[in-house]
Amino acid sequence: AVTVANTSAPDRQRKIVKRVFFYFDVNSSELTAQTSSKLDDLVSTIRFDNKWNIEIIGYADNSGDADYNKMLSERRANSISSYLRDSGIVIDKVSQEGRGAIIEGNTTEDKKKSRRVEVILRGVLDSNM
């Protein structure tokens, strides 16, 4: 999803935010083939316009204890960050963190959606483009 917000800046620039989600298997921080393919698309987006500030946030489902979930969410965020770095993305533009478990419900589908990393790209778009 991409969000574009007008700013009141006289230079007529607009702030844009793009969010991309990557999902993981239970108790895993390993990238799947599908995740790697989606990451390749993200790398292309970042390379096309390298003015993005990148935020990487890892999560876990609410199974297990808080310490384990925090560590797992950090490992998931690190997996994404490492892939970007290994693909040539400048890491000093990247912030990452693991937030542990999020509670979005107790169904199997809810837990599956919780096992994710959210990558947030923040940038400015020149409205004269």
C-alpha atoms as a PDB file:
ATOM      1  CA  ALA A   1       0.000   0.000   0.000  1.00  0.00           C
ATOM      2  CA  VAL A   2       1.213   3.480  -0.792  1.00  0.00           C
ATOM      3  CA  THR A   3      -0.034   6.547   1.053  1.00  0.00           C
ATOM      4  CA  VAL A   4       0.536   9.997  -0.394  1.00  0.00           C
ATOM      5  CA  ALA A   5      -0.019  13.068   1.779  1.00  0.00           C
ATOM      6  CA  ASN A   6       0.164  16.671   0.650  1.00  0.00           C
ATOM      7  CA  THR A   7       2.421  18.921   2.667  1.00  0.00           C
ATOM      8  CA  SER A   8       2.100  22.641   3.165  1.00  0.00           C
ATOM      9  CA  ALA A   9       5.701  23.131   2.102  1.00  0.00           C
ATOM     10  CA  PRO A  10       6.127  25.862  -0.487  1.00  0.00           C
ATOM     11  CA  ASP A  11       8.261  23.558  -2.627  1.00  0.00           C
ATOM     12  CA  ARG A  12       5.108  21.530  -3.363  1.00  0.00           C
ATOM     13  CA  GLN A  13       6.499  18.194  -2.304  1.00  0.00           C
ATOM     14  CA  ARG A  14       4.350  15.329  -1.075  1.00  0.00           C
ATOM     15  CA  LYS A  15       5.293  12.789   1.562  1.00  0.00           C
ATOM     16  CA  ILE A  16       4.797   9.212   0.506  1.00  0.00           C
ATOM     17  CA  VAL A  17       4.741   6.049   2.548  1.00  0.00           C
ATOM     18  CA  LYS A  18       4.897   2.549   1.117  1.00  0.00           C
ATOM     19  CA  ARG A  19       4.331  -0.492   3.342  1.00  0.00           C
ATOM     20  CA  VAL A  20       5.353  -4.005   2.338  1.00  0.00           C
ATOM     21  CA  PHE A  21       4.690  -7.106   4.442  1.00  0.00           C
ATOM     22  CA  PHE A  22       6.755 -10.308   4.509  1.00  0.00           C
ATOM     23  CA  TYR A  23       5.370 -13.393   6.242  1.00  0.00           C
ATOM     24  CA  PHE A  24       7.252 -16.171   8.034  1.00  0.00           C
ATOM     25  CA  ASP A  25       6.625 -19.756   9.086  1.00  0.00           C
ATOM     26  CA  VAL A  26       6.124 -20.732  12.725  1.00  0.00           C
ATOM     27  CA  ASN A  27       9.287 -20.272  14.835  1.00  0.00           C
ATOM     28  CA  SER A  28      11.261 -19.252  11.751  1.00  0.00           C
ATOM     29  CA  SER A  29      13.228 -16.281  10.521  1.00  0.00           C
ATOM     30  CA  GLU A  30      14.207 -18.034   7.275  1.00  0.00           C
ATOM     31  CA  LEU A  31      13.238 -16.382   4.014  1.00  0.00           C
ATOM     32  CA  THR A  32      11.041 -18.430   1.702  1.00  0.00           C
ATOM     33  CA  ALA A  33      11.318 -18.404  -2.102  1.00  0.00           C
ATOM     34  CA  GLN A  34       8.171 -16.260  -2.229  1.00  0.00           C
ATOM     35  CA  THR A  35       9.627 -13.800   0.286  1.00  0.00           C
ATOM     36  CA  SER A  36      12.897 -13.579  -1.641  1.00  0.00           C
ATOM     37  CA  SER A  37      11.032 -12.842  -4.863  1.00  0.00           C
ATOM     38  CA  LYS A  38       9.022 -10.118  -3.158  1.00  0.00           C
ATOM     39  CA  LEU A  39      12.234  -8.716  -1.662  1.00  0.00           C
ATOM     40  CA  ASP A  40      13.760  -8.545  -5.148  1.00  0.00           C
ATOM     41  CA  ASP A  41      10.821  -6.343  -6.178  1.00  0.00           C
ATOM     42  CA  LEU A  42      11.414  -4.159  -3.132  1.00  0.00           C
ATOM     43  CA  VAL A  43      15.123  -3.863  -3.947  1.00  0.00           C
ATOM     44  CA  SER A  44      14.191  -2.678  -7.456  1.00  0.00           C
ATOM     45  CA  THR A  45      11.867  -0.040  -5.996  1.00  0.00           C
ATOM     46  CA  ILE A  46      14.557   1.217  -3.626  1.00  0.00           C
ATOM     47  CA  ARG A  47      17.216   1.271  -6.342  1.00  0.00           C
ATOM     48  CA  PHE A  48      14.919   3.170  -8.721  1.00  0.00           C
ATOM     49  CA  ASP A  49      14.624   5.986  -6.205  1.00  0.00           C
ATOM     50  CA  ASN A  50      17.275   5.726  -3.508  1.00  0.00           C
ATOM     51  CA  LYS A  51      15.885   8.600  -1.433  1.00  0.00           C
ATOM     52  CA  TRP A  52      13.776   6.300   0.729  1.00  0.00           C
ATOM     53  CA  ASN A  53      14.201   6.078   4.482  1.00  0.00           C
ATOM     54  CA  ILE A  54      13.587   2.452   5.369  1.00  0.00           C
ATOM     55  CA  GLU A  55      12.091   1.118   8.590  1.00  0.00           C
ATOM     56  CA  ILE A  56      12.014  -2.640   9.209  1.00  0.00           C
ATOM     57  CA  ILE A  57       9.819  -3.946  12.025  1.00  0.00           C
ATOM     58  CA  GLY A  58       9.647  -7.614  12.970  1.00  0.00           C
ATOM     59  CA  TYR A  59       6.737  -9.278  14.759  1.00  0.00           C
ATOM     60  CA  ALA A  60       5.804 -12.692  16.114  1.00  0.00           C
ATOM     61  CA  ASP A  61       2.487 -14.304  16.931  1.00  0.00           C
ATOM     62  CA  ASN A  62       1.358 -14.585  20.543  1.00  0.00           C
ATOM     63  CA  SER A  63       2.502 -18.200  21.005  1.00  0.00           C
ATOM     64  CA  GLY A  64       5.466 -18.681  23.305  1.00  0.00           C
ATOM     65  CA  ASP A  65       6.903 -16.412  25.945  1.00  0.00           C
ATOM     66  CA  ALA A  66       7.636 -12.710  25.528  1.00  0.00           C
ATOM     67  CA  ASP A  67      11.446 -13.031  25.527  1.00  0.00           C
ATOM     68  CA  TYR A  68      11.415 -15.685  22.813  1.00  0.00           C
ATOM     69  CA  ASN A  69       8.951 -13.711  20.676  1.00  0.00           C
ATOM     70  CA  LYS A  70      11.051 -10.563  21.012  1.00  0.00           C
ATOM     71  CA  MET A  71      14.181 -12.429  19.916  1.00  0.00           C
ATOM     72  CA  LEU A  72      12.342 -14.117  17.026  1.00  0.00           C
ATOM     73  CA  SER A  73      10.896 -10.811  15.808  1.00  0.00           C
ATOM     74  CA  GLU A  74      14.405  -9.298  15.885  1.00  0.00           C
ATOM     75  CA  ARG A  75      15.807 -12.230  13.887  1.00  0.00           C
ATOM     76  CA  ARG A  76      13.020 -11.797  11.314  1.00  0.00           C
ATOM     77  CA  ALA A  77      13.784  -8.086  10.943  1.00  0.00           C
ATOM     78  CA  ASN A  78      17.479  -8.928  10.631  1.00  0.00           C
ATOM     79  CA  SER A  79      16.760 -11.462   7.856  1.00  0.00           C
ATOM     80  CA  ILE A  80      15.077  -8.757   5.793  1.00  0.00           C
ATOM     81  CA  SER A  81      17.751  -6.174   6.604  1.00  0.00           C
ATOM     82  CA  SER A  82      20.536  -8.608   5.663  1.00  0.00           C
ATOM     83  CA  TYR A  83      18.869  -9.402   2.350  1.00  0.00           C
ATOM     84  CA  LEU A  84      18.631  -5.697   1.517  1.00  0.00           C
ATOM     85  CA  ARG A  85      22.258  -5.133   2.523  1.00  0.00           C
ATOM     86  CA  ASP A  86      23.438  -8.140   0.506  1.00  0.00           C
ATOM     87  CA  SER A  87      21.514  -6.717  -2.468  1.00  0.00           C
ATOM     88  CA  GLY A  88      23.491  -3.475  -2.285  1.00  0.00           C
ATOM     89  CA  ILE A  89      21.024  -1.283  -0.386  1.00  0.00           C
ATOM     90  CA  VAL A  90      22.804   1.276   1.786  1.00  0.00           C
ATOM     91  CA  ILE A  91      22.199   0.219   5.359  1.00  0.00           C
ATOM     92  CA  ASP A  92      22.736   3.624   6.980  1.00  0.00           C
ATOM     93  CA  LYS A  93      19.287   4.530   5.607  1.00  0.00           C
ATOM     94  CA  VAL A  94      17.735   1.563   7.407  1.00  0.00           C
ATOM     95  CA  SER A  95      16.372   1.300  10.921  1.00  0.00           C
ATOM     96  CA  GLN A  96      15.207  -2.046  12.235  1.00  0.00           C
ATOM     97  CA  GLU A  97      13.650  -3.449  15.358  1.00  0.00           C
ATOM     98  CA  GLY A  98      11.809  -6.448  16.683  1.00  0.00           C
ATOM     99  CA  ARG A  99       8.668  -5.685  18.606  1.00  0.00           C
ATOM    100  CA  GLY A 100       7.838  -9.195  19.741  1.00  0.00           C
ATOM    101  CA  ALA A 101       4.346 -10.621  19.744  1.00  0.00           C
ATOM    102  CA  ILE A 102       1.319  -8.779  18.535  1.00  0.00           C
ATOM    103  CA  ILE A 103      -2.135  -9.984  19.388  1.00  0.00           C
ATOM    104  CA  GLU A 104      -4.488  -9.840  16.458  1.00  0.00           C
ATOM    105  CA  GLY A 105      -6.591 -12.826  17.430  1.00  0.00           C
ATOM    106  CA  ASN A 106      -6.131 -16.487  18.239  1.00  0.00           C
ATOM    107  CA  THR A 107      -7.203 -18.203  15.034  1.00  0.00           C
ATOM    108  CA  THR A 108      -4.642 -19.958  12.869  1.00  0.00           C
ATOM    109  CA  GLU A 109      -5.073 -17.269  10.209  1.00  0.00           C
ATOM    110  CA  ASP A 110      -4.602 -14.458  12.764  1.00  0.00           C
ATOM    111  CA  LYS A 111      -1.385 -16.034  14.007  1.00  0.00           C
ATOM    112  CA  LYS A 112      -0.147 -16.500  10.438  1.00  0.00           C
ATOM    113  CA  LYS A 113      -0.677 -12.790   9.719  1.00  0.00           C
ATOM    114  CA  SER A 114       1.152 -11.861  12.924  1.00  0.00           C
ATOM    115  CA  ARG A 115       4.347 -13.709  11.926  1.00  0.00           C
ATOM    116  CA  ARG A 116       5.631 -10.921   9.726  1.00  0.00           C
ATOM    117  CA  VAL A 117       8.055  -8.156   9.026  1.00  0.00           C
ATOM    118  CA  GLU A 118       6.740  -4.793   7.936  1.00  0.00           C
ATOM    119  CA  VAL A 119       8.992  -2.684   5.744  1.00  0.00           C
ATOM    120  CA  ILE A 120       8.038   0.984   5.650  1.00  0.00           C
ATOM    121  CA  LEU A 121       9.513   3.225   2.972  1.00  0.00           C
ATOM    122  CA  ARG A 122       9.215   6.936   3.650  1.00  0.00           C
ATOM    123  CA  GLY A 123      10.104   9.515   1.054  1.00  0.00           C
ATOM    124  CA  VAL A 124       9.199  12.763  -0.611  1.00  0.00           C
ATOM    125  CA  LEU A 125       7.748  13.037  -4.092  1.00  0.00           C
ATOM    126  CA  ASP A 126       8.236  16.221  -6.070  1.00  0.00           C
ATOM    127  CA  SER A 127       4.755  17.261  -7.233  1.00  0.00           C
ATOM    128  CA  ASN A 128       6.267  18.760 -10.380  1.00  0.00           C
ATOM    129  CA  MET A 129       6.983  15.246 -11.647  1.00  0.00           C
END
